[in-house]
Amino acid sequence: MRSPLWLFVSVCALLLVPTLAGANGGPVAWSQVGPGGGVVPRQESNIRLVNETLYIRLHEDTRHYTVTADYALHNPGGADTVLYGVPITWEEKRPARDIARDIQLTFNGKKLYCNITDIRPSGQAERKRQGHFEGWGRAWCVTQLSMPGGQTSRLRLQYKAELEYVDMRTTKSALTSFDTRTLQYALWPAAFWKGSVDQFRVEVDFGPYAGFLREHNLPTPVVVDKNRLTYSAKNLDLNSFREIKLDFSAEQMLSHRELVTWNRNADKESRLPISVRASGFLPPQDGHGFNPQNVADGNPKTAWCVSNANGGRGEWLEIKALRSLAKDAQQPGRIACKLQGMVLVPGFSYSQSIYMANNRIRKFRVARCGDLSKYRDIEITHHGKQFDMSALWLSLGIDDLPWWVESAGFRYKITASSPVVEGKHTPTDCWRLTILEVDRGEKYRDTCVSEAALVVNCP
């Protein structure tokens, strides 16, 4: 869900609220009390939640997570019928019936369906007081559970929700400033079953956020490693432990993903289409091509690869812009845009093993195609070992050559440069990247570049 509100001032904020907010379910009742009306939690006096196993998996798209909650509900008395509700928040441009379909319920092996019951309060002041946002729905998804007497029933709740975050862009840059990602899952609705939970267990698979957990609110004894978090407790009172909250600081990983997919995912105004040619490239192998056009496809799992007796030293790649920013600015009603920088992934970022198996560029020269005497030499003084932090950001100066470099995974320096002459510079639309030095791969002697892109900023 990328439907940002752009404010064309010095700072633009992208407020992203979950399409579906995460929460446990619990017993509810119909009520007309209060301005919200509709559905309220109901304290159950007979049926107990004896076991809850909660599994949360963060998705590779870095935005969503899947919840699977398994409950064991024991009814010691006679057969009974209970209303069961899951509180949700969603974007109102999606029909409520679609939200209901996203919530999957299975009770004693039988699939159930729930109905959305809006609890929107009347009046703007009351909506604000209760935390309602314009354009967003708050409701319960309600179904009926037929509880057999004297038995323990099995209930499973599954759905996909979205992490909470606010990303920022300024008019000075086309790049995103990424916010902390928060996973917030409410446990309190399940506190309305009778008593405490005999056995409670939660496991969170961090997925792409492995290694990026900043903090959490789970009590001891919680077990956290790079890839997951697990927590188990007996006789847990969900009134005292009302929610699970995890914060992930993954700005470097998210920035890398934005850069390596720029040619595919960036908006049209921020992306310059390019043509690419090279001094040579490897022939196809096992159905995979290694031609220079691969660096322009926005797919980090493809690459231009080259090899020679020197491990790729001396080979070059030329990148030419196919759109003139100067001509764009002359069109009526167009905002003057400027070339902000260049992206380069100096290795084969298909996977960690492929990245380490092949040569990676350690030193390279960026020159203007029409005048190779104007150049910058950039040396990577410490090569990162993580393929998913391998993107280089080259900010271009007044002569359209790199004047500083950024990377999450590398340290670097500009080791040589042609003289920078003050005064007017003729813009260039073509750059040649020449390989000067490489770090040897663990298995192959081929040198690869996964991506190259030109980034445009339109204030």
Protein backbone atom coordinates (compact mmCIF):
# COMPACT_ATOMS: atom_id res chain seq x y z
CA MET A 1 0.00 0.00 0.00
CA ARG A 2 1.81 3.05 -1.26
CA SER A 3 -0.72 5.82 -1.34
CA PRO A 4 1.29 8.68 0.16
CA LEU A 5 0.08 12.20 0.72
CA TRP A 6 2.62 14.45 -0.97
CA LEU A 7 3.04 17.97 0.40
CA PHE A 8 5.05 20.02 -2.06
CA VAL A 9 7.05 21.94 0.48
CA SER A 10 10.50 21.33 1.86
CA VAL A 11 9.52 18.00 3.46
CA CYS A 12 7.14 15.34 2.20
CA ALA A 13 5.73 12.76 4.61
CA LEU A 14 4.50 9.32 3.60
CA LEU A 15 2.10 8.07 6.28
CA LEU A 16 1.55 4.36 5.92
CA VAL A 17 -1.11 2.85 8.18
CA PRO A 18 -1.68 -0.93 8.10
CA THR A 19 -4.23 -2.23 5.59
CA LEU A 20 -5.10 -4.68 8.36
CA ALA A 21 -3.87 -4.26 11.93
CA GLY A 22 -2.86 -7.32 13.93
CA ALA A 23 -4.85 -8.53 16.93
CA ASN A 24 -6.04 -11.61 18.79
CA GLY A 25 -9.73 -12.46 18.80
CA GLY A 26 -12.00 -12.94 21.80
CA PRO A 27 -15.60 -13.21 23.02
CA VAL A 28 -17.83 -10.26 22.16
CA ALA A 29 -21.43 -9.10 22.55
CA TRP A 30 -23.80 -6.77 20.71
CA SER A 31 -24.32 -3.44 22.39
CA GLN A 32 -25.79 -0.03 21.68
CA VAL A 33 -24.07 1.62 24.64
CA GLY A 34 -21.85 4.59 23.83
CA PRO A 35 -21.28 6.52 20.61
CA GLY A 36 -19.61 3.57 18.89
CA GLY A 37 -22.43 1.10 19.40
CA GLY A 38 -22.32 -2.27 17.68
CA VAL A 39 -19.81 -4.70 19.24
CA VAL A 40 -17.95 -4.68 22.54
CA PRO A 41 -15.76 -7.31 24.26
CA ARG A 42 -17.67 -9.56 26.67
CA GLN A 43 -16.19 -11.26 29.70
CA GLU A 44 -16.72 -15.02 29.35
CA SER A 45 -17.64 -16.72 32.63
CA ASN A 46 -17.46 -20.34 31.51
CA ILE A 47 -15.19 -21.03 28.53
CA ARG A 48 -11.42 -20.93 29.07
CA LEU A 49 -8.54 -20.33 26.69
CA VAL A 50 -6.24 -23.13 27.83
CA ASN A 51 -3.62 -22.84 25.09
CA GLU A 52 -2.54 -20.25 22.53
CA THR A 53 0.23 -20.73 19.97
CA LEU A 54 0.99 -17.64 17.93
CA TYR A 55 3.22 -17.71 14.85
CA ILE A 56 4.06 -14.46 13.01
CA ARG A 57 6.13 -14.42 9.83
CA LEU A 58 7.42 -11.22 8.24
CA HIS A 59 7.22 -11.22 4.46
CA GLU A 60 10.01 -10.78 1.95
CA ASP A 61 8.26 -7.67 0.57
CA THR A 62 9.33 -5.93 3.87
CA ARG A 63 5.80 -4.52 4.37
CA HIS A 64 3.55 -7.35 5.44
CA TYR A 65 3.42 -10.15 7.97
CA THR A 66 1.24 -13.25 8.33
CA VAL A 67 -0.41 -14.22 11.60
CA THR A 68 -1.39 -17.79 12.50
CA ALA A 69 -3.00 -18.09 15.93
CA ASP A 70 -4.06 -21.51 17.25
CA TYR A 71 -6.36 -21.58 20.27
CA ALA A 72 -7.57 -24.43 22.48
CA LEU A 73 -10.89 -23.43 24.09
CA HIS A 74 -12.32 -25.63 26.86
CA ASN A 75 -16.02 -25.64 27.67
CA PRO A 76 -16.62 -27.55 30.95
CA GLY A 77 -20.38 -27.05 30.87
CA GLY A 78 -23.14 -27.81 28.39
CA ALA A 79 -23.23 -26.93 24.70
CA ASP A 80 -23.00 -23.18 24.19
CA THR A 81 -22.85 -20.58 21.45
CA VAL A 82 -20.34 -17.74 21.64
CA LEU A 83 -19.85 -14.68 19.46
CA TYR A 84 -16.17 -14.38 18.54
CA GLY A 85 -14.72 -11.12 17.26
CA VAL A 86 -11.39 -9.84 15.90
CA PRO A 87 -10.80 -6.06 16.11
CA ILE A 88 -9.37 -4.66 12.88
CA THR A 89 -8.30 -1.40 11.27
CA TRP A 90 -8.20 -1.14 7.48
CA GLU A 91 -8.07 1.29 4.60
CA GLU A 92 -11.63 2.15 3.66
CA LYS A 93 -10.98 2.23 -0.08
CA ARG A 94 -10.99 -1.56 0.22
CA PRO A 95 -14.52 -2.99 0.55
CA ALA A 96 -15.32 -4.50 3.95
CA ARG A 97 -16.25 -7.80 2.30
CA ASP A 98 -12.70 -8.09 0.93
CA ILE A 99 -11.30 -7.56 4.43
CA ALA A 100 -13.60 -10.28 5.77
CA ARG A 101 -12.36 -12.70 3.11
CA ASP A 102 -8.75 -12.00 4.15
CA ILE A 103 -9.49 -13.28 7.66
CA GLN A 104 -9.45 -17.09 7.68
CA LEU A 105 -11.10 -18.94 10.56
CA THR A 106 -11.22 -22.69 11.15
CA PHE A 107 -13.16 -24.15 14.09
CA ASN A 108 -12.84 -27.87 14.86
CA GLY A 109 -11.76 -28.44 11.26
CA LYS A 110 -14.65 -26.48 9.74
CA LYS A 111 -14.09 -23.23 7.85
CA LEU A 112 -15.97 -20.22 9.20
CA TYR A 113 -16.67 -16.78 7.79
CA CYS A 114 -16.86 -13.54 9.74
CA ASN A 115 -18.83 -10.37 9.09
CA ILE A 116 -17.46 -6.84 9.38
CA THR A 117 -19.36 -4.76 11.94
CA ASP A 118 -18.39 -1.08 11.75
CA ILE A 119 -17.84 0.68 15.08
CA ARG A 120 -17.23 4.11 13.60
CA PRO A 121 -18.36 6.73 16.12
CA SER A 122 -20.55 9.59 15.00
CA GLY A 123 -19.17 13.11 14.97
CA GLN A 124 -15.68 14.31 14.12
CA ALA A 125 -14.72 15.07 17.74
CA GLU A 126 -15.70 11.60 18.93
CA ARG A 127 -13.88 9.95 16.01
CA LYS A 128 -10.72 11.87 16.92
CA ARG A 129 -11.07 11.03 20.62
CA GLN A 130 -11.31 7.31 19.88
CA GLY A 131 -8.35 7.35 17.49
CA HIS A 132 -10.21 7.06 14.19
CA PHE A 133 -8.48 8.36 11.05
CA GLU A 134 -10.31 9.79 8.07
CA GLY A 135 -10.29 7.19 5.29
CA TRP A 136 -9.71 4.29 7.65
CA GLY A 137 -12.25 1.85 9.04
CA ARG A 138 -12.30 0.41 12.54
CA ALA A 139 -14.51 -2.57 13.19
CA TRP A 140 -14.87 -6.08 14.52
CA CYS A 141 -15.00 -9.12 12.29
CA VAL A 142 -17.55 -11.32 14.06
CA THR A 143 -18.53 -14.97 13.74
CA GLN A 144 -20.37 -17.55 15.83
CA LEU A 145 -18.72 -20.49 17.60
CA SER A 146 -20.90 -23.50 18.50
CA MET A 147 -19.06 -24.91 21.53
CA PRO A 148 -19.74 -28.60 22.33
CA GLY A 149 -20.17 -29.27 26.03
CA GLY A 150 -17.45 -30.91 28.11
CA GLN A 151 -14.86 -30.69 25.33
CA THR A 152 -11.84 -28.72 24.17
CA SER A 153 -12.32 -27.10 20.76
CA ARG A 154 -9.66 -25.97 18.31
CA LEU A 155 -9.81 -22.56 16.68
CA ARG A 156 -7.34 -21.20 14.12
CA LEU A 157 -7.14 -17.54 13.04
CA GLN A 158 -5.03 -16.53 10.01
CA TYR A 159 -4.61 -13.26 8.13
CA LYS A 160 -2.06 -10.90 6.59
CA ALA A 161 -1.37 -7.50 8.18
CA GLU A 162 1.01 -4.62 7.53
CA LEU A 163 3.85 -3.13 9.55
CA GLU A 164 3.49 0.43 10.84
CA TYR A 165 5.92 3.14 9.71
CA VAL A 166 6.22 6.70 8.45
CA ASP A 167 8.79 7.23 5.70
CA MET A 168 10.00 10.65 4.62
CA ARG A 169 11.19 12.32 1.44
CA THR A 170 12.39 15.88 1.02
CA THR A 171 12.30 18.03 -2.07
CA LYS A 172 16.10 17.93 -2.02
CA SER A 173 16.30 14.20 -2.74
CA ALA A 174 14.44 11.51 -4.66
CA LEU A 175 15.61 8.92 -2.14
CA THR A 176 13.50 7.77 0.79
CA SER A 177 14.45 8.23 4.43
CA PHE A 178 13.21 5.00 5.98
CA ASP A 179 11.53 4.93 9.36
CA THR A 180 11.59 2.24 12.05
CA ARG A 181 9.21 -0.65 11.23
CA THR A 182 6.83 -1.57 14.06
CA LEU A 183 4.94 -4.82 14.47
CA GLN A 184 2.17 -4.31 17.00
CA TYR A 185 -0.12 -7.22 17.83
CA ALA A 186 -2.91 -6.83 20.40
CA LEU A 187 -3.35 -9.73 22.83
CA TRP A 188 -6.02 -8.11 25.04
CA PRO A 189 -9.15 -9.39 23.18
CA ALA A 190 -8.25 -12.94 24.27
CA ALA A 191 -8.12 -11.77 27.91
CA PHE A 192 -11.93 -11.89 27.97
CA TRP A 193 -11.96 -15.70 28.02
CA LYS A 194 -12.27 -17.00 31.58
CA GLY A 195 -9.08 -17.05 33.66
CA SER A 196 -5.48 -17.05 32.55
CA VAL A 197 -3.92 -19.03 29.69
CA ASP A 198 -2.42 -22.36 30.81
CA GLN A 199 0.12 -22.46 27.98
CA PHE A 200 1.09 -19.50 25.79
CA ARG A 201 3.75 -19.50 23.08
CA VAL A 202 4.72 -16.97 20.43
CA GLU A 203 7.28 -17.26 17.64
CA VAL A 204 8.19 -14.44 15.27
CA ASP A 205 10.15 -15.23 12.11
CA PHE A 206 11.95 -12.01 11.18
CA GLY A 207 12.32 -12.91 7.48
CA PRO A 208 14.06 -10.00 5.68
CA TYR A 209 14.42 -8.19 9.03
CA ALA A 210 16.79 -10.83 10.41
CA GLY A 211 19.43 -9.05 12.46
CA PHE A 212 17.51 -5.76 12.55
CA LEU A 213 15.40 -6.11 15.71
CA ARG A 214 16.00 -2.99 17.81
CA GLU A 215 13.75 -3.59 20.79
CA HIS A 216 10.76 -5.58 22.00
CA ASN A 217 8.41 -5.61 24.99
CA LEU A 218 8.30 -9.33 25.74
CA PRO A 219 9.24 -10.27 29.30
CA THR A 220 11.89 -12.76 30.41
CA PRO A 221 12.46 -15.56 29.46
CA VAL A 222 12.32 -14.48 25.82
CA VAL A 223 14.80 -16.05 23.38
CA VAL A 224 16.07 -13.85 20.54
CA ASP A 225 18.56 -14.74 17.83
CA LYS A 226 19.30 -13.16 14.46
CA ASN A 227 16.39 -14.81 12.67
CA ARG A 228 13.58 -15.16 15.21
CA LEU A 229 12.08 -14.48 18.60
CA THR A 230 10.36 -17.08 20.79
CA TYR A 231 8.57 -16.69 24.10
CA SER A 232 6.71 -19.23 26.24
CA ALA A 233 4.77 -18.80 29.48
CA LYS A 234 2.44 -20.72 31.76
CA ASN A 235 -0.63 -19.32 33.50
CA LEU A 236 -0.30 -16.05 31.60
CA ASP A 237 -2.72 -13.24 32.42
CA LEU A 238 -3.36 -11.43 29.13
CA ASN A 239 -4.76 -8.47 31.05
CA SER A 240 -1.23 -7.75 32.28
CA PHE A 241 0.44 -8.51 28.92
CA ARG A 242 -1.86 -6.73 26.51
CA GLU A 243 0.19 -6.55 23.32
CA ILE A 244 3.33 -7.64 21.51
CA LYS A 245 5.43 -4.82 20.08
CA LEU A 246 8.60 -5.23 18.01
CA ASP A 247 10.64 -2.39 16.47
CA PHE A 248 13.01 -3.04 13.57
CA SER A 249 15.72 -0.56 12.53
CA ALA A 250 16.47 -1.67 8.99
CA GLU A 251 17.12 1.61 7.20
CA GLN A 252 20.29 0.29 5.51
CA MET A 253 18.62 -2.84 4.15
CA LEU A 254 15.56 -0.92 2.95
CA SER A 255 17.74 1.72 1.30
CA HIS A 256 19.70 -1.00 -0.51
CA ARG A 257 16.46 -2.55 -1.79
CA GLU A 258 15.24 0.82 -3.02
CA LEU A 259 18.48 1.44 -4.93
CA VAL A 260 18.87 -1.99 -6.54
CA THR A 261 15.29 -1.93 -7.88
CA TRP A 262 15.35 1.72 -8.96
CA ASN A 263 15.19 0.93 -12.68
CA ARG A 264 12.04 -1.11 -12.11
CA ASN A 265 10.17 0.43 -9.17
CA ALA A 266 10.99 4.15 -9.01
CA ASP A 267 8.35 6.54 -10.32
CA LYS A 268 8.70 7.70 -13.91
CA GLU A 269 9.93 11.20 -13.08
CA SER A 270 12.70 9.92 -10.77
CA ARG A 271 14.05 7.33 -13.16
CA LEU A 272 16.13 8.00 -16.27
CA PRO A 273 15.88 5.20 -18.83
CA ILE A 274 19.34 4.11 -19.93
CA SER A 275 21.06 2.18 -22.67
CA VAL A 276 24.11 0.12 -21.80
CA ARG A 277 27.08 -1.21 -23.71
CA ALA A 278 30.26 -2.91 -22.54
CA SER A 279 33.72 -3.99 -23.60
CA GLY A 280 32.55 -7.61 -23.48
CA PHE A 281 30.51 -10.12 -21.52
CA LEU A 282 30.32 -13.80 -20.71
CA PRO A 283 28.32 -16.15 -22.94
CA PRO A 284 25.09 -17.60 -21.51
CA GLN A 285 25.45 -20.43 -18.99
CA ASP A 286 22.69 -22.81 -17.89
CA GLY A 287 20.05 -20.55 -19.41
CA HIS A 288 21.36 -17.39 -17.70
CA GLY A 289 22.62 -14.45 -19.76
CA PHE A 290 25.28 -11.97 -18.61
CA ASN A 291 24.91 -9.17 -21.18
CA PRO A 292 25.25 -5.51 -20.12
CA GLN A 293 21.50 -4.82 -20.45
CA ASN A 294 21.03 -6.79 -17.22
CA VAL A 295 22.26 -3.83 -15.16
CA ALA A 296 19.27 -1.75 -16.32
CA ASP A 297 16.45 -4.17 -15.53
CA GLY A 298 15.92 -3.31 -11.85
CA ASN A 299 16.46 -6.96 -10.92
CA PRO A 300 19.42 -7.58 -8.56
CA LYS A 301 19.33 -11.28 -9.42
CA THR A 302 20.69 -10.61 -12.92
CA ALA A 303 24.11 -9.15 -13.78
CA TRP A 304 26.63 -8.12 -16.39
CA CYS A 305 29.60 -10.43 -15.99
CA VAL A 306 32.95 -10.29 -17.71
CA SER A 307 36.26 -12.10 -17.48
CA ASN A 308 39.76 -11.82 -18.87
CA ALA A 309 43.28 -12.89 -17.95
CA ASN A 310 43.38 -10.07 -15.38
CA GLY A 311 40.14 -11.03 -13.65
CA GLY A 312 38.14 -8.29 -15.39
CA ARG A 313 40.58 -5.42 -14.88
CA GLY A 314 40.39 -2.94 -17.72
CA GLU A 315 36.89 -3.97 -18.80
CA TRP A 316 34.31 -1.19 -18.99
CA LEU A 317 30.60 -0.49 -18.92
CA GLU A 318 28.98 2.58 -20.53
CA ILE A 319 25.68 4.02 -19.31
CA LYS A 320 23.82 6.53 -21.50
CA ALA A 321 20.67 8.44 -20.52
CA LEU A 322 17.85 8.11 -23.05
CA ARG A 323 15.92 11.15 -21.84
CA SER A 324 17.13 14.74 -21.86
CA LEU A 325 16.35 16.60 -18.64
CA ALA A 326 17.13 19.92 -20.37
CA LYS A 327 14.51 19.25 -23.06
CA ASP A 328 12.00 18.08 -20.44
CA ALA A 329 12.37 21.39 -18.59
CA GLN A 330 11.52 23.34 -21.77
CA GLN A 331 8.09 21.73 -22.04
CA PRO A 332 5.17 23.87 -20.76
CA GLY A 333 4.10 23.05 -17.23
CA ARG A 334 7.10 20.81 -16.50
CA ILE A 335 9.15 21.15 -13.31
CA ALA A 336 12.89 21.51 -13.82
CA CYS A 337 14.50 18.25 -12.71
CA LYS A 338 18.15 17.54 -12.06
CA LEU A 339 20.33 14.47 -12.10
CA GLN A 340 20.99 13.66 -8.45
CA GLY A 341 23.21 10.61 -8.60
CA MET A 342 24.08 7.15 -9.80
CA VAL A 343 23.54 3.67 -8.36
CA LEU A 344 26.06 0.87 -8.76
CA VAL A 345 26.03 -2.68 -7.36
CA PRO A 346 29.68 -3.80 -7.79
CA GLY A 347 29.04 -7.54 -7.52
CA PHE A 348 26.55 -10.29 -8.39
CA SER A 349 23.84 -9.81 -5.74
CA TYR A 350 21.73 -12.85 -6.67
CA SER A 351 22.35 -14.39 -3.25
CA GLN A 352 24.97 -14.41 -0.52
CA SER A 353 26.74 -17.48 -1.95
CA ILE A 354 26.77 -16.15 -5.55
CA TYR A 355 27.93 -12.75 -4.35
CA MET A 356 30.93 -14.22 -2.56
CA ALA A 357 31.68 -16.81 -5.28
CA ASN A 358 32.42 -14.20 -7.99
CA ASN A 359 34.89 -11.33 -8.18
CA ARG A 360 33.69 -8.03 -6.77
CA ILE A 361 34.92 -4.62 -7.91
CA ARG A 362 37.32 -3.02 -5.42
CA LYS A 363 38.39 0.02 -7.46
CA PHE A 364 36.84 1.63 -10.51
CA ARG A 365 36.95 4.81 -12.58
CA VAL A 366 33.92 6.90 -13.54
CA ALA A 367 34.57 9.10 -16.60
CA ARG A 368 32.56 11.13 -19.07
CA CYS A 369 32.15 9.18 -22.30
CA GLY A 370 32.89 12.16 -24.53
CA ASP A 371 36.03 13.13 -22.60
CA LEU A 372 37.75 10.31 -20.68
CA SER A 373 40.26 12.81 -19.29
CA LYS A 374 37.55 13.91 -16.84
CA TYR A 375 37.21 11.18 -14.22
CA ARG A 376 37.07 10.08 -10.58
CA ASP A 377 38.71 6.92 -9.22
CA ILE A 378 36.80 5.28 -6.36
CA GLU A 379 38.33 2.60 -4.15
CA ILE A 380 36.31 0.38 -1.84
CA THR A 381 38.68 0.11 1.12
CA HIS A 382 36.54 -2.40 3.02
CA HIS A 383 34.33 -4.70 0.98
CA GLY A 384 31.11 -5.65 2.75
CA LYS A 385 30.33 -9.34 2.96
CA GLN A 386 26.55 -8.94 2.75
CA PHE A 387 25.03 -9.15 -0.70
CA ASP A 388 21.90 -7.30 0.48
CA MET A 389 23.88 -4.20 1.47
CA SER A 390 26.11 -3.99 -1.58
CA ALA A 391 24.59 -0.98 -3.39
CA LEU A 392 26.76 2.12 -3.86
CA TRP A 393 25.21 5.58 -4.08
CA LEU A 394 27.34 8.01 -6.13
CA SER A 395 26.27 11.62 -5.66
CA LEU A 396 27.21 13.65 -8.73
CA GLY A 397 28.87 17.06 -8.54
CA ILE A 398 28.79 20.10 -10.82
CA ASP A 399 30.91 18.28 -13.41
CA ASP A 400 28.50 15.29 -13.42
CA LEU A 401 31.12 13.08 -11.76
CA PRO A 402 30.96 11.53 -8.27
CA TRP A 403 31.96 13.91 -5.50
CA TRP A 404 30.96 11.68 -2.60
CA VAL A 405 29.86 8.09 -2.14
CA GLU A 406 27.57 6.29 0.31
CA SER A 407 27.04 2.63 1.10
CA ALA A 408 25.64 0.60 3.98
CA GLY A 409 28.13 -2.22 3.56
CA PHE A 410 31.36 -0.62 2.32
CA ARG A 411 33.99 1.92 3.25
CA TYR A 412 35.44 3.83 0.32
CA LYS A 413 37.47 6.83 -0.79
CA ILE A 414 38.08 8.84 -3.95
CA THR A 415 41.74 8.15 -4.72
CA ALA A 416 42.27 10.18 -7.90
CA SER A 417 40.47 12.87 -9.85
CA SER A 418 40.93 15.04 -12.87
CA PRO A 419 41.11 18.76 -11.97
CA VAL A 420 37.77 20.39 -11.24
CA VAL A 421 37.63 23.66 -13.13
CA GLU A 422 35.40 26.37 -11.70
CA GLY A 423 32.85 27.84 -14.04
CA LYS A 424 30.32 26.55 -16.51
CA HIS A 425 30.30 22.81 -17.27
CA THR A 426 28.70 21.15 -20.23
CA PRO A 427 26.34 18.45 -18.92
CA THR A 428 26.97 14.89 -20.01
CA ASP A 429 24.46 12.12 -20.63
CA CYS A 430 26.96 9.24 -20.77
CA TRP A 431 29.40 7.71 -18.27
CA ARG A 432 32.04 5.01 -18.61
CA LEU A 433 32.80 2.80 -15.58
CA THR A 434 36.16 1.04 -15.89
CA ILE A 435 37.24 -1.80 -13.59
CA LEU A 436 40.65 -1.06 -12.04
CA GLU A 437 40.96 -3.61 -9.20
CA VAL A 438 38.90 -6.54 -7.96
CA ASP A 439 38.46 -8.70 -4.86
CA ARG A 440 38.78 -12.32 -5.90
CA GLY A 441 35.75 -14.56 -5.66
CA GLU A 442 35.79 -17.70 -3.57
CA LYS A 443 34.98 -19.90 -6.59
CA TYR A 444 34.97 -18.00 -9.90
CA ARG A 445 37.18 -15.36 -11.55
CA ASP A 446 34.32 -13.57 -13.30
CA THR A 447 33.64 -9.95 -12.29
CA CYS A 448 30.02 -8.86 -12.18
CA VAL A 449 27.83 -5.77 -11.78
CA SER A 450 24.18 -6.40 -10.89
CA GLU A 451 22.69 -2.91 -11.27
CA ALA A 452 23.41 0.61 -12.49
CA ALA A 453 20.85 3.40 -12.43
CA LEU A 454 20.52 7.17 -12.82
CA VAL A 455 18.44 8.95 -10.16
CA VAL A 456 16.58 12.18 -10.96
CA ASN A 457 15.21 14.62 -8.41
CA CYS A 458 12.21 16.76 -9.36
CA PRO A 459 11.67 19.26 -6.49
